[in-house]
C-alpha atoms as a PDB file:
ATOM      1  CA  MET A   1       0.000   0.000   0.000  1.00  0.00           C
ATOM      2  CA  ALA A   2       2.847   2.406   0.759  1.00  0.00           C
ATOM      3  CA  SER A   3       3.912   2.570  -2.864  1.00  0.00           C
ATOM      4  CA  LYS A   4       0.558   3.813  -4.092  1.00  0.00           C
ATOM      5  CA  ASN A   5       0.311   7.489  -4.966  1.00  0.00           C
ATOM      6  CA  LEU A   6      -3.086   7.061  -6.572  1.00  0.00           C
ATOM      7  CA  LEU A   7      -5.898   4.771  -5.588  1.00  0.00           C
ATOM      8  CA  ALA A   8      -6.899   1.640  -7.466  1.00  0.00           C
ATOM      9  CA  PHE A   9     -10.246   0.405  -6.348  1.00  0.00           C
ATOM     10  CA  VAL A  10     -11.846  -2.602  -8.010  1.00  0.00           C
ATOM     11  CA  LEU A  11     -15.210  -3.850  -6.850  1.00  0.00           C
ATOM     12  CA  ALA A  12     -17.172  -6.789  -8.259  1.00  0.00           C
ATOM     13  CA  ALA A  13     -20.578  -5.415  -9.139  1.00  0.00           C
ATOM     14  CA  SER A  14     -23.327  -6.161 -11.595  1.00  0.00           C
ATOM     15  CA  GLY A  15     -25.886  -3.962 -13.280  1.00  0.00           C
ATOM     16  CA  ALA A  16     -28.431  -5.054 -10.689  1.00  0.00           C
ATOM     17  CA  LEU A  17     -26.238  -3.589  -7.954  1.00  0.00           C
ATOM     18  CA  LEU A  18     -26.241  -0.126  -9.447  1.00  0.00           C
ATOM     19  CA  ALA A  19     -29.761   0.649  -8.280  1.00  0.00           C
ATOM     20  CA  PRO A  20     -28.970   1.051  -4.548  1.00  0.00           C
ATOM     21  CA  ALA A  21     -26.822   4.086  -5.454  1.00  0.00           C
ATOM     22  CA  CYS A  22     -23.453   3.325  -3.875  1.00  0.00           C
ATOM     23  CA  TYR A  23     -22.621   0.075  -5.640  1.00  0.00           C
ATOM     24  CA  LEU A  24     -20.528   0.205  -8.782  1.00  0.00           C
ATOM     25  CA  THR A  25     -17.474  -1.229 -10.449  1.00  0.00           C
ATOM     26  CA  SER A  26     -14.580   1.132 -11.045  1.00  0.00           C
ATOM     27  CA  SER A  27     -10.834   1.285 -11.502  1.00  0.00           C
ATOM     28  CA  PHE A  28      -8.796   4.390 -10.741  1.00  0.00           C
ATOM     29  CA  ASP A  29      -5.634   3.175 -12.478  1.00  0.00           C
ATOM     30  CA  GLY A  30      -4.101   6.008 -14.454  1.00  0.00           C
ATOM     31  CA  LEU A  31      -6.480   8.714 -13.245  1.00  0.00           C
ATOM     32  CA  THR A  32      -4.903  11.812 -11.719  1.00  0.00           C
ATOM     33  CA  GLY A  33      -6.125  14.880  -9.963  1.00  0.00           C
ATOM     34  CA  ALA A  34      -9.742  14.765 -11.081  1.00  0.00           C
ATOM     35  CA  PRO A  35     -12.054  16.501 -10.690  1.00  0.00           C
ATOM     36  CA  GLY A  36     -10.072  19.695 -10.301  1.00  0.00           C
ATOM     37  CA  GLY A  37     -11.486  22.896  -8.894  1.00  0.00           C
ATOM     38  CA  GLU A  38     -14.096  24.628 -10.964  1.00  0.00           C
ATOM     39  CA  ALA A  39     -14.153  21.832 -13.500  1.00  0.00           C
ATOM     40  CA  ALA A  40     -15.499  19.578 -10.789  1.00  0.00           C
ATOM     41  CA  SER A  41     -18.181  22.098  -9.956  1.00  0.00           C
ATOM     42  CA  THR A  42     -19.257  22.283 -13.583  1.00  0.00           C
ATOM     43  CA  SER A  43     -19.463  18.505 -13.789  1.00  0.00           C
ATOM     44  CA  SER A  44     -21.498  18.286 -10.600  1.00  0.00           C
ATOM     45  CA  ALA A  45     -23.848  21.064 -11.589  1.00  0.00           C
ATOM     46  CA  SER A  46     -24.485  19.597 -15.015  1.00  0.00           C
ATOM     47  CA  SER A  47     -25.715  16.368 -13.457  1.00  0.00           C
ATOM     48  CA  GLY A  48     -27.710  17.978 -10.761  1.00  0.00           C
ATOM     49  CA  MET A  49     -28.638  21.619 -10.858  1.00  0.00           C
ATOM     50  CA  GLY A  50     -31.889  22.579  -9.244  1.00  0.00           C
ATOM     51  CA  GLY A  51     -30.952  22.497  -5.565  1.00  0.00           C
ATOM     52  CA  ALA A  52     -32.872  25.035  -3.508  1.00  0.00           C
ATOM     53  CA  GLY A  53     -31.390  28.426  -4.194  1.00  0.00           C
ATOM     54  CA  GLY A  54     -28.850  26.864  -6.539  1.00  0.00           C
ATOM     55  CA  THR A  55     -26.421  29.054  -8.411  1.00  0.00           C
ATOM     56  CA  SER A  56     -24.905  28.197 -11.751  1.00  0.00           C
ATOM     57  CA  GLY A  57     -21.702  26.206 -11.271  1.00  0.00           C
ATOM     58  CA  GLU A  58     -22.181  25.743  -7.513  1.00  0.00           C
ATOM     59  CA  GLY A  59     -24.436  22.724  -7.477  1.00  0.00           C
ATOM     60  CA  GLY A  60     -27.190  24.435  -5.462  1.00  0.00           C
ATOM     61  CA  VAL A  61     -27.764  24.687  -1.755  1.00  0.00           C
ATOM     62  CA  GLY A  62     -27.827  21.200  -0.329  1.00  0.00           C
ATOM     63  CA  GLY A  63     -26.796  19.730  -3.652  1.00  0.00           C
ATOM     64  CA  THR A  64     -30.210  18.239  -4.302  1.00  0.00           C
ATOM     65  CA  GLY A  65     -29.370  18.006  -7.979  1.00  0.00           C
ATOM     66  CA  GLY A  66     -26.413  15.778  -7.133  1.00  0.00           C
ATOM     67  CA  VAL A  67     -28.650  12.908  -6.083  1.00  0.00           C
ATOM     68  CA  GLY A  68     -27.507   9.728  -7.755  1.00  0.00           C
ATOM     69  CA  GLY A  69     -24.226  11.257  -8.909  1.00  0.00           C
ATOM     70  CA  THR A  70     -24.978  10.705 -12.563  1.00  0.00           C
ATOM     71  CA  GLY A  71     -22.520  13.200 -13.999  1.00  0.00           C
ATOM     72  CA  GLY A  72     -18.776  13.578 -14.245  1.00  0.00           C
ATOM     73  CA  GLY A  73     -17.672   9.972 -14.682  1.00  0.00           C
ATOM     74  CA  VAL A  74     -15.263   8.283 -12.278  1.00  0.00           C
ATOM     75  CA  HIS A  75     -12.622  10.425 -10.608  1.00  0.00           C
ATOM     76  CA  ALA A  76      -9.569   9.939  -8.415  1.00  0.00           C
ATOM     77  CA  PRO A  77      -8.284  12.059  -5.523  1.00  0.00           C
ATOM     78  CA  ALA A  78      -5.648  14.662  -6.292  1.00  0.00           C
ATOM     79  CA  THR A  79      -3.677  13.973  -3.102  1.00  0.00           C
ATOM     80  CA  GLY A  80      -1.664  10.997  -1.929  1.00  0.00           C
ATOM     81  CA  ILE A  81      -2.094   8.529   0.911  1.00  0.00           C
ATOM     82  CA  LEU A  82      -1.144   9.973   4.297  1.00  0.00           C
ATOM     83  CA  ASP A  83      -1.194   6.720   6.254  1.00  0.00           C
ATOM     84  CA  ASP A  84      -1.249   3.176   4.890  1.00  0.00           C
ATOM     85  CA  PHE A  85      -1.081   1.742   8.450  1.00  0.00           C
ATOM     86  CA  ASP A  86       1.759  -0.605   7.448  1.00  0.00           C
ATOM     87  CA  ARG A  87       3.468  -0.720  10.825  1.00  0.00           C
ATOM     88  CA  ALA A  88       3.512  -2.571  14.119  1.00  0.00           C
ATOM     89  CA  ASP A  89       0.283  -3.105  16.031  1.00  0.00           C
ATOM     90  CA  GLY A  90      -0.575  -0.549  18.702  1.00  0.00           C
ATOM     91  CA  ASP A  91      -1.514   3.079  19.079  1.00  0.00           C
ATOM     92  CA  PRO A  92      -1.612   4.889  15.723  1.00  0.00           C
ATOM     93  CA  GLY A  93       0.713   7.563  17.117  1.00  0.00           C
ATOM     94  CA  PRO A  94       1.335  11.081  15.842  1.00  0.00           C
ATOM     95  CA  PRO A  95       0.146  12.903  13.903  1.00  0.00           C
ATOM     96  CA  TRP A  96      -3.125  11.141  14.763  1.00  0.00           C
ATOM     97  CA  LYS A  97      -5.124  12.724  17.582  1.00  0.00           C
ATOM     98  CA  LEU A  98      -7.838  10.674  19.294  1.00  0.00           C
ATOM     99  CA  MET A  99     -10.699  11.728  21.544  1.00  0.00           C
ATOM    100  CA  SER A 100      -9.841   8.847  23.895  1.00  0.00           C
ATOM    101  CA  SER A 101      -6.774   6.624  24.020  1.00  0.00           C
ATOM    102  CA  GLY A 102      -7.298   3.124  22.659  1.00  0.00           C
ATOM    103  CA  THR A 103     -10.391   3.909  20.589  1.00  0.00           C
ATOM    104  CA  TYR A 104      -8.422   3.405  17.370  1.00  0.00           C
ATOM    105  CA  THR A 105      -5.424   1.101  17.051  1.00  0.00           C
ATOM    106  CA  ILE A 106      -3.233  -0.330  14.351  1.00  0.00           C
ATOM    107  CA  TYR A 107      -3.898  -4.047  13.991  1.00  0.00           C
ATOM    108  CA  GLY A 108      -2.783  -6.209  11.091  1.00  0.00           C
ATOM    109  CA  GLU A 109      -1.697  -3.131   9.120  1.00  0.00           C
ATOM    110  CA  ARG A 110      -5.177  -1.643   9.322  1.00  0.00           C
ATOM    111  CA  LEU A 111      -6.765   1.089  11.450  1.00  0.00           C
ATOM    112  CA  LEU A 112      -9.169  -0.715  13.774  1.00  0.00           C
ATOM    113  CA  THR A 113     -12.005   0.828  15.812  1.00  0.00           C
ATOM    114  CA  HIS A 114     -12.877  -0.241  19.352  1.00  0.00           C
ATOM    115  CA  GLY A 115     -16.342   0.105  20.881  1.00  0.00           C
ATOM    116  CA  ASP A 116     -19.448   1.451  19.227  1.00  0.00           C
ATOM    117  CA  ASN A 117     -18.494   5.112  19.738  1.00  0.00           C
ATOM    118  CA  PRO A 118     -14.767   5.687  19.232  1.00  0.00           C
ATOM    119  CA  ASP A 119     -15.530   9.253  18.075  1.00  0.00           C
ATOM    120  CA  ALA A 120     -13.016  10.799  15.687  1.00  0.00           C
ATOM    121  CA  ALA A 121      -9.446  10.148  14.660  1.00  0.00           C
ATOM    122  CA  ILE A 122      -8.020  13.460  13.421  1.00  0.00           C
ATOM    123  CA  TRP A 123      -4.877  13.835  11.322  1.00  0.00           C
ATOM    124  CA  ASP A 124      -3.125  16.698  13.123  1.00  0.00           C
ATOM    125  CA  GLN A 125      -2.040  18.752  10.131  1.00  0.00           C
ATOM    126  CA  VAL A 126      -3.774  21.894   8.911  1.00  0.00           C
ATOM    127  CA  PHE A 127      -4.709  21.920   5.237  1.00  0.00           C
ATOM    128  CA  GLY A 128      -6.024  24.756   3.110  1.00  0.00           C
ATOM    129  CA  ALA A 129      -9.618  25.673   2.375  1.00  0.00           C
ATOM    130  CA  ARG A 130      -9.546  23.467  -0.732  1.00  0.00           C
ATOM    131  CA  GLN A 131      -9.096  20.062   0.878  1.00  0.00           C
ATOM    132  CA  GLU A 132     -10.085  16.426   0.599  1.00  0.00           C
ATOM    133  CA  ALA A 133     -10.086  13.252   2.679  1.00  0.00           C
ATOM    134  CA  TYR A 134     -10.632   9.623   1.723  1.00  0.00           C
ATOM    135  CA  VAL A 135     -10.360   6.162   3.231  1.00  0.00           C
ATOM    136  CA  THR A 136     -11.153   2.588   2.258  1.00  0.00           C
ATOM    137  CA  ILE A 137     -13.481   0.504   4.420  1.00  0.00           C
ATOM    138  CA  GLU A 138     -11.826  -2.891   4.318  1.00  0.00           C
ATOM    139  CA  SER A 139     -14.413  -4.539   6.555  1.00  0.00           C
ATOM    140  CA  MET A 140     -17.375  -3.819   8.814  1.00  0.00           C
ATOM    141  CA  ASP A 141     -18.620  -6.331  11.382  1.00  0.00           C
ATOM    142  CA  GLY A 142     -22.214  -5.846  12.384  1.00  0.00           C
ATOM    143  CA  THR A 143     -24.736  -3.311  11.146  1.00  0.00           C
ATOM    144  CA  GLU A 144     -23.352  -0.123   9.658  1.00  0.00           C
ATOM    145  CA  THR A 145     -24.719   2.948  11.442  1.00  0.00           C
ATOM    146  CA  GLU A 146     -22.472   5.939  10.841  1.00  0.00           C
ATOM    147  CA  ILE A 147     -19.112   6.471   9.190  1.00  0.00           C
ATOM    148  CA  GLU A 148     -17.887   9.990   8.512  1.00  0.00           C
ATOM    149  CA  LEU A 149     -15.127  11.860   6.811  1.00  0.00           C
ATOM    150  CA  VAL A 150     -14.203  14.970   8.768  1.00  0.00           C
ATOM    151  CA  LEU A 151     -13.211  18.185   6.985  1.00  0.00           C
ATOM    152  CA  ARG A 152     -12.148  21.611   8.281  1.00  0.00           C
ATOM    153  CA  ASN A 153     -11.634  20.406  11.853  1.00  0.00           C
ATOM    154  CA  GLN A 154     -10.562  23.348  13.990  1.00  0.00           C
ATOM    155  CA  GLY A 155      -8.202  21.485  16.305  1.00  0.00           C
ATOM    156  CA  HIS A 156     -10.246  19.515  18.833  1.00  0.00           C
ATOM    157  CA  PRO A 157      -9.965  15.749  18.168  1.00  0.00           C
ATOM    158  CA  SER A 158     -13.688  15.326  17.625  1.00  0.00           C
ATOM    159  CA  GLU A 159     -16.255  15.475  14.850  1.00  0.00           C
ATOM    160  CA  CYS A 160     -17.470  18.781  16.309  1.00  0.00           C
ATOM    161  CA  GLU A 161     -15.964  22.113  15.234  1.00  0.00           C
ATOM    162  CA  SER A 162     -15.856  20.548  11.772  1.00  0.00           C
ATOM    163  CA  VAL A 163     -17.820  19.974   8.590  1.00  0.00           C
ATOM    164  CA  VAL A 164     -18.591  16.283   8.150  1.00  0.00           C
ATOM    165  CA  VAL A 165     -19.733  14.090   5.286  1.00  0.00           C
ATOM    166  CA  SER A 166     -21.667  11.269   6.921  1.00  0.00           C
ATOM    167  CA  TRP A 167     -22.773   7.877   5.630  1.00  0.00           C
ATOM    168  CA  ASN A 168     -25.575   7.369   8.120  1.00  0.00           C
ATOM    169  CA  ARG A 169     -29.096   6.004   8.571  1.00  0.00           C
ATOM    170  CA  PHE A 170     -32.278   8.055   8.815  1.00  0.00           C
ATOM    171  CA  ASP A 171     -35.538   6.237   9.498  1.00  0.00           C
ATOM    172  CA  GLY A 172     -33.654   3.035   8.783  1.00  0.00           C
ATOM    173  CA  GLU A 173     -32.556   4.136   5.311  1.00  0.00           C
ATOM    174  CA  PRO A 174     -28.849   4.511   4.435  1.00  0.00           C
ATOM    175  CA  VAL A 175     -27.943   7.982   3.169  1.00  0.00           C
ATOM    176  CA  ILE A 176     -25.163  10.494   2.710  1.00  0.00           C
ATOM    177  CA  HIS A 177     -25.634  13.811   4.436  1.00  0.00           C
ATOM    178  CA  VAL A 178     -23.511  16.853   5.289  1.00  0.00           C
ATOM    179  CA  ALA A 179     -23.579  18.717   8.593  1.00  0.00           C
ATOM    180  CA  TYR A 180     -21.452  20.991  10.752  1.00  0.00           C
ATOM    181  CA  CYS A 181     -21.031  21.324  14.490  1.00  0.00           C
ATOM    182  CA  VAL A 182     -20.359  24.407  16.598  1.00  0.00           C
ATOM    183  CA  GLY A 183     -20.222  24.229  20.396  1.00  0.00           C
ATOM    184  CA  GLY A 184     -21.889  20.827  20.401  1.00  0.00           C
ATOM    185  CA  GLU A 185     -24.826  21.988  18.262  1.00  0.00           C
ATOM    186  CA  TRP A 186     -25.368  20.342  14.884  1.00  0.00           C
ATOM    187  CA  THR A 187     -26.757  21.932  11.722  1.00  0.00           C
ATOM    188  CA  MET A 188     -27.785  19.823   8.745  1.00  0.00           C
ATOM    189  CA  VAL A 189     -26.832  21.126   5.297  1.00  0.00           C
ATOM    190  CA  GLY A 190     -29.261  20.585   2.454  1.00  0.00           C
ATOM    191  CA  GLN A 191     -30.790  17.239   1.614  1.00  0.00           C
ATOM    192  CA  LYS A 192     -29.845  13.618   2.202  1.00  0.00           C
ATOM    193  CA  VAL A 193     -28.797  11.367  -0.680  1.00  0.00           C
ATOM    194  CA  PRO A 194     -29.583   7.603  -0.668  1.00  0.00           C
ATOM    195  CA  CYS A 195     -26.400   5.536  -0.413  1.00  0.00           C
ATOM    196  CA  ALA A 196     -25.529   2.219   1.266  1.00  0.00           C
ATOM    197  CA  LEU A 197     -21.896   1.281   1.858  1.00  0.00           C
ATOM    198  CA  VAL A 198     -20.413  -2.187   1.507  1.00  0.00           C
ATOM    199  CA  GLU A 199     -17.073  -3.634   2.478  1.00  0.00           C
ATOM    200  CA  GLY A 200     -14.340  -2.535   0.092  1.00  0.00           C
ATOM    201  CA  ASP A 201     -15.897   0.868  -0.636  1.00  0.00           C
ATOM    202  CA  THR A 202     -13.678   3.929  -0.699  1.00  0.00           C
ATOM    203  CA  ILE A 203     -15.386   7.058   0.571  1.00  0.00           C
ATOM    204  CA  TRP A 204     -14.083  10.464  -0.406  1.00  0.00           C
ATOM    205  CA  ALA A 205     -15.061  14.014   0.579  1.00  0.00           C
ATOM    206  CA  ARG A 206     -13.954  17.313  -0.928  1.00  0.00           C
ATOM    207  CA  GLY A 207     -14.305  20.873   0.305  1.00  0.00           C
ATOM    208  CA  TYR A 208     -13.778  24.005  -1.767  1.00  0.00           C
ATOM    209  CA  GLU A 209     -12.902  27.529  -0.719  1.00  0.00           C
ATOM    210  CA  ASP A 210     -16.411  28.755  -1.597  1.00  0.00           C
ATOM    211  CA  GLY A 211     -18.001  26.300   0.858  1.00  0.00           C
ATOM    212  CA  ARG A 212     -18.992  23.552  -1.587  1.00  0.00           C
ATOM    213  CA  ILE A 213     -18.745  20.007  -0.269  1.00  0.00           C
ATOM    214  CA  GLU A 214     -18.691  16.967  -2.544  1.00  0.00           C
ATOM    215  CA  ALA A 215     -19.198  13.317  -1.587  1.00  0.00           C
ATOM    216  CA  TYR A 216     -17.922  10.360  -3.608  1.00  0.00           C
ATOM    217  CA  VAL A 217     -17.998   6.585  -3.304  1.00  0.00           C
ATOM    218  CA  ASN A 218     -15.429   4.688  -5.376  1.00  0.00           C
ATOM    219  CA  GLY A 219     -14.802   7.822  -7.426  1.00  0.00           C
ATOM    220  CA  LYS A 220     -18.459   8.394  -8.272  1.00  0.00           C
ATOM    221  CA  LEU A 221     -19.894  11.785  -7.329  1.00  0.00           C
ATOM    222  CA  PHE A 222     -23.113  11.441  -5.336  1.00  0.00           C
ATOM    223  CA  GLY A 223     -23.873  15.012  -4.344  1.00  0.00           C
ATOM    224  CA  THR A 224     -22.764  18.599  -3.832  1.00  0.00           C
ATOM    225  CA  TRP A 225     -23.756  20.676  -0.806  1.00  0.00           C
ATOM    226  CA  ASP A 226     -23.255  24.332   0.146  1.00  0.00           C
ATOM    227  CA  ALA A 227     -21.723  24.586   3.637  1.00  0.00           C
ATOM    228  CA  SER A 228     -20.597  28.195   3.274  1.00  0.00           C
ATOM    229  CA  ASN A 229     -22.839  29.270   6.174  1.00  0.00           C
ATOM    230  CA  ALA A 230     -20.828  27.173   8.623  1.00  0.00           C
ATOM    231  CA  PRO A 231     -18.313  29.218  10.667  1.00  0.00           C
ATOM    232  CA  MET A 232     -15.545  27.004   9.291  1.00  0.00           C
ATOM    233  CA  GLY A 233     -17.294  26.370   5.977  1.00  0.00           C
ATOM    234  CA  THR A 234     -14.758  28.216   3.850  1.00  0.00           C
ATOM    235  CA  SER A 235     -11.741  27.750   6.132  1.00  0.00           C
ATOM    236  CA  GLY A 236      -8.808  25.419   6.253  1.00  0.00           C
ATOM    237  CA  GLY A 237      -8.412  22.842   8.979  1.00  0.00           C
ATOM    238  CA  ARG A 238      -7.687  19.233   9.749  1.00  0.00           C
ATOM    239  CA  ILE A 239      -9.194  16.076   8.284  1.00  0.00           C
ATOM    240  CA  GLY A 240     -10.084  12.707   9.770  1.00  0.00           C
ATOM    241  CA  VAL A 241     -12.492   9.809  10.150  1.00  0.00           C
ATOM    242  CA  PHE A 242     -15.288   9.051  12.607  1.00  0.00           C
ATOM    243  CA  THR A 243     -17.492   6.078  13.436  1.00  0.00           C
ATOM    244  CA  TYR A 244     -20.508   5.754  15.699  1.00  0.00           C
ATOM    245  CA  GLY A 245     -23.072   3.142  16.646  1.00  0.00           C
ATOM    246  CA  ILE A 246     -21.434   0.214  14.872  1.00  0.00           C
ATOM    247  CA  PRO A 247     -21.615  -2.739  17.289  1.00  0.00           C
ATOM    248  CA  ASP A 248     -18.381  -4.361  16.158  1.00  0.00           C
ATOM    249  CA  GLU A 249     -15.100  -3.252  14.715  1.00  0.00           C
ATOM    250  CA  VAL A 250     -14.468  -1.384  11.478  1.00  0.00           C
ATOM    251  CA  ARG A 251     -11.165  -1.810   9.660  1.00  0.00           C
ATOM    252  CA  PHE A 252      -9.865   1.044   7.531  1.00  0.00           C
ATOM    253  CA  GLU A 253      -6.974   1.117   5.096  1.00  0.00           C
ATOM    254  CA  ASP A 254      -5.198   3.821   3.113  1.00  0.00           C
ATOM    255  CA  PHE A 255      -6.268   7.110   4.668  1.00  0.00           C
ATOM    256  CA  GLY A 256      -5.361  10.013   2.396  1.00  0.00           C
ATOM    257  CA  GLY A 257      -6.074  13.621   1.634  1.00  0.00           C
ATOM    258  CA  GLY A 258      -4.779  17.140   2.058  1.00  0.00           C
ATOM    259  CA  SER A 259      -4.757  20.375   0.113  1.00  0.00           C
ATOM    260  CA  PHE A 260      -5.240  20.299  -3.646  1.00  0.00           C
END
């Protein structure tokens, strides 16, 4: 894993699996730096304009037009892997910051969660306002409840004081949604997008300097949201991962991201 500068994700999927939204077959071999900046916005908007209050090229508030992620093809992150977890078992160590010691550990060259609420693992490096984060879910034991990518974290090793892209469940239905937290109070951004994760999926979130947030699964764009009203919505910050309510362990591999 350490030798990879770009991701290569191959999932076995059939046409019947495309309907639930998040399932697809893709390969990222040879793709670089896409979608970049405004070009990504144009691609997103072309597949899904019509979000409430939407503005041309910005995908619309809440990114309602991004539902289903039909436009823009398959993309790859522009940044490299920050941690492939290929080291001895134990505490992940710096620059990771954890809410509580022992909630995430390295085990078998993977990042392993412990308990059903390990909170966040934050990569303690500040990136610019145009930033991304991604990770591969190697395995999930038990029922998936919530897995997040954390963007724009303002320093506390938690999902709060951040903008998050969450793969969660509402009324029993798996969705992607975007939210931000200030002082322990959460604000939802725009609309939820149907999406169910499976083992082997790579989730990817992007934030732009104008407050746009994009969510991808296996390189497929599923929605664009406008988080510019968040206090940190157009700021730089840290990135990370978060899990909650999953009764057994989750194993992550190849966490990456940064400024682009």
